[in-house]
Amino acid sequence: MSFCNPQILLYKANARFQDAKVSLVASMPHPIVFYDGVCGLCNSFVQFVLRRDRNALFRFAALQSSIATGALSRHRVNPGALDTVYVVINHDLPDEHILSRSDAVLFILNQLKSPRRRTAFWLGLVPRSARDWAYNAIARHRYRIFGRSEICMVPSDQDHSRFLDG
């Protein structure tokens, strides 16, 4: 009887899944990240992704934009709820779906190069309820800790085409 470490098997299975997911994402429309445009933490996260998304996979729009309102309404999500980040996959296609909270963050991290992929893998082992609890705790206090701006971030000329809301 041979002994196999289940964590190593899980890692190998997840690594194959991640490779498949990357190639799937490459053949679909650009995933759209909806974020709170006046939140300091959210804007920092968008800047973090922009700096590391070497293949320019992601597109961005503020939750306050009309494109976010339309997409979220299709999924019966309150577009006025600004307490989470969303990722829309296959935008405007029949199999369009939406990820929110920690699932959205893990999807984004998983599409970036390592060590972000490794971070996504390890965080993905944490039950969603625990991840979302931590996410919600940070979201509740994000304006107090990270600040709030009365205007949305203005992207650089180089990144302007990746923003769908203006």
Protein backbone atom coordinates (compact mmCIF):
# COMPACT_ATOMS: atom_id res chain seq x y z
CA MET A 1 0.00 0.00 0.00
CA SER A 2 1.53 3.31 -1.02
CA PHE A 3 1.05 6.51 0.91
CA CYS A 4 0.06 9.70 -0.92
CA ASN A 5 -0.03 13.09 0.67
CA PRO A 6 -3.55 14.45 -0.10
CA GLN A 7 -2.27 18.04 -0.06
CA ILE A 8 0.24 17.28 -2.82
CA LEU A 9 -2.47 15.58 -4.89
CA LEU A 10 -4.81 18.53 -4.32
CA TYR A 11 -2.07 20.95 -5.36
CA LYS A 12 -1.33 18.99 -8.55
CA ALA A 13 -5.02 18.77 -9.42
CA ASN A 14 -5.48 22.47 -8.73
CA ALA A 15 -2.41 23.37 -10.80
CA ARG A 16 -3.86 21.51 -13.79
CA PHE A 17 -7.20 23.25 -13.23
CA GLN A 18 -5.47 26.63 -13.05
CA ASP A 19 -3.68 26.00 -16.36
CA ALA A 20 -6.97 24.99 -17.97
CA LYS A 21 -8.72 28.01 -16.51
CA VAL A 22 -6.06 30.36 -17.86
CA SER A 23 -6.41 28.96 -21.38
CA LEU A 24 -10.21 29.14 -21.11
CA VAL A 25 -10.04 32.76 -20.00
CA ALA A 26 -7.71 33.58 -22.87
CA SER A 27 -10.39 32.50 -25.36
CA MET A 28 -13.30 34.38 -23.77
CA PRO A 29 -14.11 38.09 -23.67
CA HIS A 30 -12.13 40.11 -21.17
CA PRO A 31 -13.45 39.63 -17.63
CA ILE A 32 -14.75 42.91 -16.22
CA VAL A 33 -13.87 43.98 -12.69
CA PHE A 34 -16.52 46.19 -11.07
CA TYR A 35 -15.20 48.11 -8.07
CA ASP A 36 -16.27 50.99 -5.83
CA GLY A 37 -14.83 53.96 -7.69
CA VAL A 38 -14.59 56.21 -4.64
CA CYS A 39 -12.99 53.66 -2.27
CA GLY A 40 -9.28 54.08 -1.56
CA LEU A 41 -8.76 50.34 -1.01
CA CYS A 42 -10.66 49.44 -4.18
CA ASN A 43 -8.69 51.92 -6.28
CA SER A 44 -5.44 50.56 -4.83
CA PHE A 45 -6.55 47.03 -5.72
CA VAL A 46 -7.27 48.10 -9.31
CA GLN A 47 -3.81 49.69 -9.52
CA PHE A 48 -2.31 46.48 -8.10
CA VAL A 49 -4.03 44.42 -10.82
CA LEU A 50 -3.10 46.88 -13.60
CA ARG A 51 0.60 46.65 -12.67
CA ARG A 52 0.58 42.85 -12.66
CA ASP A 53 -1.84 42.02 -15.49
CA ARG A 54 0.87 41.79 -18.15
CA ASN A 55 -1.51 40.30 -20.74
CA ALA A 56 -4.09 43.09 -20.25
CA LEU A 57 -6.76 40.46 -19.58
CA PHE A 58 -8.99 42.49 -17.28
CA ARG A 59 -11.26 45.43 -18.03
CA PHE A 60 -12.52 47.73 -15.28
CA ALA A 61 -15.58 49.81 -14.49
CA ALA A 62 -16.74 51.55 -11.34
CA LEU A 63 -19.80 50.14 -9.62
CA GLN A 64 -21.28 53.61 -10.05
CA SER A 65 -21.20 53.28 -13.88
CA SER A 66 -24.07 52.41 -16.21
CA ILE A 67 -22.29 49.27 -17.49
CA ALA A 68 -22.06 47.95 -13.91
CA THR A 69 -25.70 48.80 -13.23
CA GLY A 70 -26.82 46.88 -16.32
CA ALA A 71 -24.69 43.80 -15.69
CA LEU A 72 -25.51 43.59 -11.99
CA SER A 73 -29.24 44.08 -12.63
CA ARG A 74 -29.22 41.13 -15.06
CA HIS A 75 -27.96 38.98 -12.18
CA ARG A 76 -30.46 40.43 -9.68
CA VAL A 77 -27.68 42.10 -7.73
CA ASN A 78 -28.41 45.48 -6.17
CA PRO A 79 -26.26 47.93 -8.18
CA GLY A 80 -26.40 50.38 -5.27
CA ALA A 81 -24.56 47.98 -2.95
CA LEU A 82 -20.97 49.21 -3.14
CA ASP A 83 -19.53 46.87 -0.52
CA THR A 84 -17.91 44.31 -2.82
CA VAL A 85 -15.87 43.79 -5.94
CA TYR A 86 -17.44 41.81 -8.78
CA VAL A 87 -15.97 40.03 -11.78
CA VAL A 88 -18.24 39.44 -14.76
CA ILE A 89 -17.12 36.57 -16.94
CA ASN A 90 -18.38 36.20 -20.52
CA HIS A 91 -20.02 39.62 -20.47
CA ASP A 92 -23.09 39.83 -22.73
CA LEU A 93 -22.87 36.14 -23.70
CA PRO A 94 -25.49 33.47 -22.86
CA ASP A 95 -23.20 31.89 -20.24
CA GLU A 96 -22.35 35.21 -18.55
CA HIS A 97 -21.83 34.80 -14.82
CA ILE A 98 -20.68 36.91 -11.94
CA LEU A 99 -18.29 36.34 -9.05
CA SER A 100 -18.35 38.45 -5.91
CA ARG A 101 -16.40 39.09 -2.74
CA SER A 102 -13.58 36.62 -2.07
CA ASP A 103 -14.42 34.49 -5.12
CA ALA A 104 -13.87 37.54 -7.34
CA VAL A 105 -10.56 38.35 -5.67
CA LEU A 106 -9.37 34.74 -5.95
CA PHE A 107 -10.32 34.64 -9.64
CA ILE A 108 -8.32 37.81 -10.28
CA LEU A 109 -5.28 36.61 -8.33
CA ASN A 110 -5.43 33.27 -10.11
CA GLN A 111 -5.07 34.98 -13.50
CA LEU A 112 -1.95 36.90 -12.44
CA LYS A 113 1.55 35.43 -12.33
CA SER A 114 2.99 33.75 -9.25
CA PRO A 115 3.20 34.37 -6.32
CA ARG A 116 -0.37 35.67 -6.68
CA ARG A 117 -1.51 32.33 -8.09
CA ARG A 118 -0.03 30.50 -5.13
CA THR A 119 -1.76 32.94 -2.79
CA ALA A 120 -5.07 32.28 -4.58
CA PHE A 121 -4.51 28.55 -4.25
CA TRP A 122 -3.91 28.69 -0.49
CA LEU A 123 -6.74 31.15 0.14
CA GLY A 124 -9.00 28.92 -1.95
CA LEU A 125 -8.49 26.14 0.60
CA VAL A 126 -10.21 28.32 3.21
CA PRO A 127 -13.99 27.81 3.21
CA ARG A 128 -15.88 30.53 1.33
CA SER A 129 -17.87 31.45 4.45
CA ALA A 130 -14.66 32.25 6.34
CA ARG A 131 -13.13 34.12 3.37
CA ASP A 132 -16.28 36.18 2.89
CA TRP A 133 -16.51 36.90 6.62
CA ALA A 134 -13.00 38.42 6.51
CA TYR A 135 -13.83 40.22 3.25
CA ASN A 136 -17.00 41.71 4.77
CA ALA A 137 -15.15 42.83 7.90
CA ILE A 138 -12.65 44.76 5.78
CA ALA A 139 -15.37 46.10 3.46
CA ARG A 140 -17.35 47.47 6.44
CA HIS A 141 -14.42 49.63 7.54
CA ARG A 142 -12.71 50.35 4.19
CA TYR A 143 -13.60 54.06 4.00
CA ARG A 144 -12.43 54.69 7.55
CA ILE A 145 -9.14 52.82 7.10
CA PHE A 146 -8.27 53.48 3.45
CA GLY A 147 -10.15 56.70 2.76
CA ARG A 148 -12.78 57.83 0.32
CA SER A 149 -12.58 60.10 -2.69
CA GLU A 150 -15.48 62.12 -4.06
CA ILE A 151 -14.37 61.39 -7.63
CA CYS A 152 -13.47 58.17 -9.41
CA MET A 153 -9.85 57.40 -10.30
CA VAL A 154 -8.64 58.76 -13.64
CA PRO A 155 -6.64 56.08 -15.46
CA SER A 156 -3.32 56.80 -17.14
CA ASP A 157 -3.26 57.26 -20.91
CA GLN A 158 -1.67 53.82 -21.23
CA ASP A 159 -4.50 52.13 -19.25
CA HIS A 160 -7.41 54.28 -20.39
CA SER A 161 -8.68 51.74 -22.95
CA ARG A 162 -9.08 49.12 -20.22
CA PHE A 163 -11.67 51.23 -18.38
CA LEU A 164 -15.17 50.84 -19.75
CA ASP A 165 -16.85 53.67 -17.90
CA GLY A 166 -15.23 56.65 -19.52
